[in-house]
């Protein structure tokens, strides 16, 4: 019985570690996008409108991908929580 509980606890910790890794990756990519967008908005001159437009579309696309990725991770964690708390 004790070995079974220990095995369950190890699996639970590994799953939570995986969720934390996904969260850290999302935070890192979001920060990089923030720095890139700030750099583009503040430091690129207004005469280079084409570069600003391309960077805007790139940042927007990556932001949408991050939102979708975050939703996927949230659903995965929620489903895991529901399956673990069923009686």
Protein backbone atom coordinates (compact mmCIF):
# COMPACT_ATOMS: atom_id res chain seq x y z
CA UNK A 1 0.00 0.00 0.00
CA UNK A 2 2.83 2.35 0.88
CA UNK A 3 4.65 1.59 -2.39
CA UNK A 4 1.48 2.35 -4.32
CA UNK A 5 1.09 5.74 -2.61
CA UNK A 6 4.75 6.51 -3.23
CA UNK A 7 4.38 5.65 -6.92
CA UNK A 8 1.28 7.86 -7.19
CA UNK A 9 3.09 10.77 -5.51
CA UNK A 10 6.08 10.44 -7.87
CA UNK A 11 3.83 10.44 -10.95
CA UNK A 12 1.94 13.44 -9.61
CA UNK A 13 5.15 15.39 -9.01
CA UNK A 14 6.45 14.55 -12.50
CA UNK A 15 3.20 15.81 -14.06
CA UNK A 16 3.33 19.04 -12.07
CA UNK A 17 6.98 19.49 -13.03
CA UNK A 18 5.98 19.19 -16.67
CA UNK A 19 3.25 21.82 -16.20
CA UNK A 20 5.77 24.14 -14.53
CA UNK A 21 8.18 23.69 -17.44
CA UNK A 22 5.44 24.60 -19.92
CA UNK A 23 4.55 27.65 -17.84
CA UNK A 24 8.18 28.79 -17.65
CA UNK A 25 8.53 28.40 -21.42
CA UNK A 26 5.38 30.45 -22.00
CA UNK A 27 6.63 33.21 -19.69
CA UNK A 28 10.03 33.29 -21.40
CA UNK A 29 8.58 33.49 -24.92
CA UNK A 30 6.11 36.16 -23.83
CA UNK A 31 8.92 38.24 -22.34
CA UNK A 32 10.97 37.92 -25.52
CA UNK A 33 7.95 39.05 -27.55
CA UNK A 34 7.50 41.99 -25.20
CA UNK A 35 11.13 43.08 -25.59
CA UNK A 36 10.99 42.69 -29.36
CA UNK A 37 7.75 44.67 -29.65
CA UNK A 38 9.09 47.41 -27.37
CA UNK A 39 12.29 47.57 -29.42
CA UNK A 40 10.32 47.74 -32.66
CA UNK A 41 7.93 50.40 -31.40
CA UNK A 42 10.48 52.67 -29.71
CA UNK A 43 13.77 52.30 -31.53
CA UNK A 44 12.87 51.73 -35.17
CA UNK A 45 12.35 54.99 -37.02
CA UNK A 46 9.00 55.88 -38.55
CA UNK A 47 10.50 55.96 -42.04
CA UNK A 48 10.84 52.16 -41.95
CA UNK A 49 7.11 51.46 -41.95
CA UNK A 50 7.40 48.17 -43.85
CA UNK A 51 9.62 46.63 -41.16
CA UNK A 52 7.20 47.78 -38.46
CA UNK A 53 4.26 46.25 -40.31
CA UNK A 54 6.03 42.92 -40.75
CA UNK A 55 7.11 42.86 -37.11
CA UNK A 56 3.56 43.71 -36.02
CA UNK A 57 2.14 40.75 -37.95
CA UNK A 58 4.87 38.47 -36.66
CA UNK A 59 4.31 39.49 -33.04
CA UNK A 60 0.54 39.18 -33.44
CA UNK A 61 0.83 35.70 -34.92
CA UNK A 62 3.20 34.51 -32.20
CA UNK A 63 0.95 35.97 -29.52
CA UNK A 64 -2.03 34.06 -30.91
CA UNK A 65 0.06 30.88 -30.91
CA UNK A 66 1.04 31.48 -27.28
CA UNK A 67 -2.61 31.98 -26.33
CA UNK A 68 -3.58 28.73 -28.07
CA UNK A 69 -0.66 26.90 -26.43
CA UNK A 70 -1.67 28.24 -23.01
CA UNK A 71 -5.26 27.15 -23.56
CA UNK A 72 -4.07 23.68 -24.57
CA UNK A 73 -1.94 23.37 -21.43
CA UNK A 74 -4.80 24.66 -19.26
CA UNK A 75 -7.22 22.11 -20.71
CA UNK A 76 -4.67 19.35 -20.24
CA UNK A 77 -4.11 20.28 -16.58
CA UNK A 78 -7.85 20.66 -15.96
CA UNK A 79 -8.61 17.23 -17.44
CA UNK A 80 -5.84 15.71 -15.34
CA UNK A 81 -7.25 17.39 -12.23
CA UNK A 82 -10.75 16.09 -12.99
CA UNK A 83 -9.48 12.54 -13.50
CA UNK A 84 -7.44 12.64 -10.29
CA UNK A 85 -10.25 13.99 -8.12
CA UNK A 86 -12.96 11.56 -9.28
CA UNK A 87 -14.31 9.35 -6.56
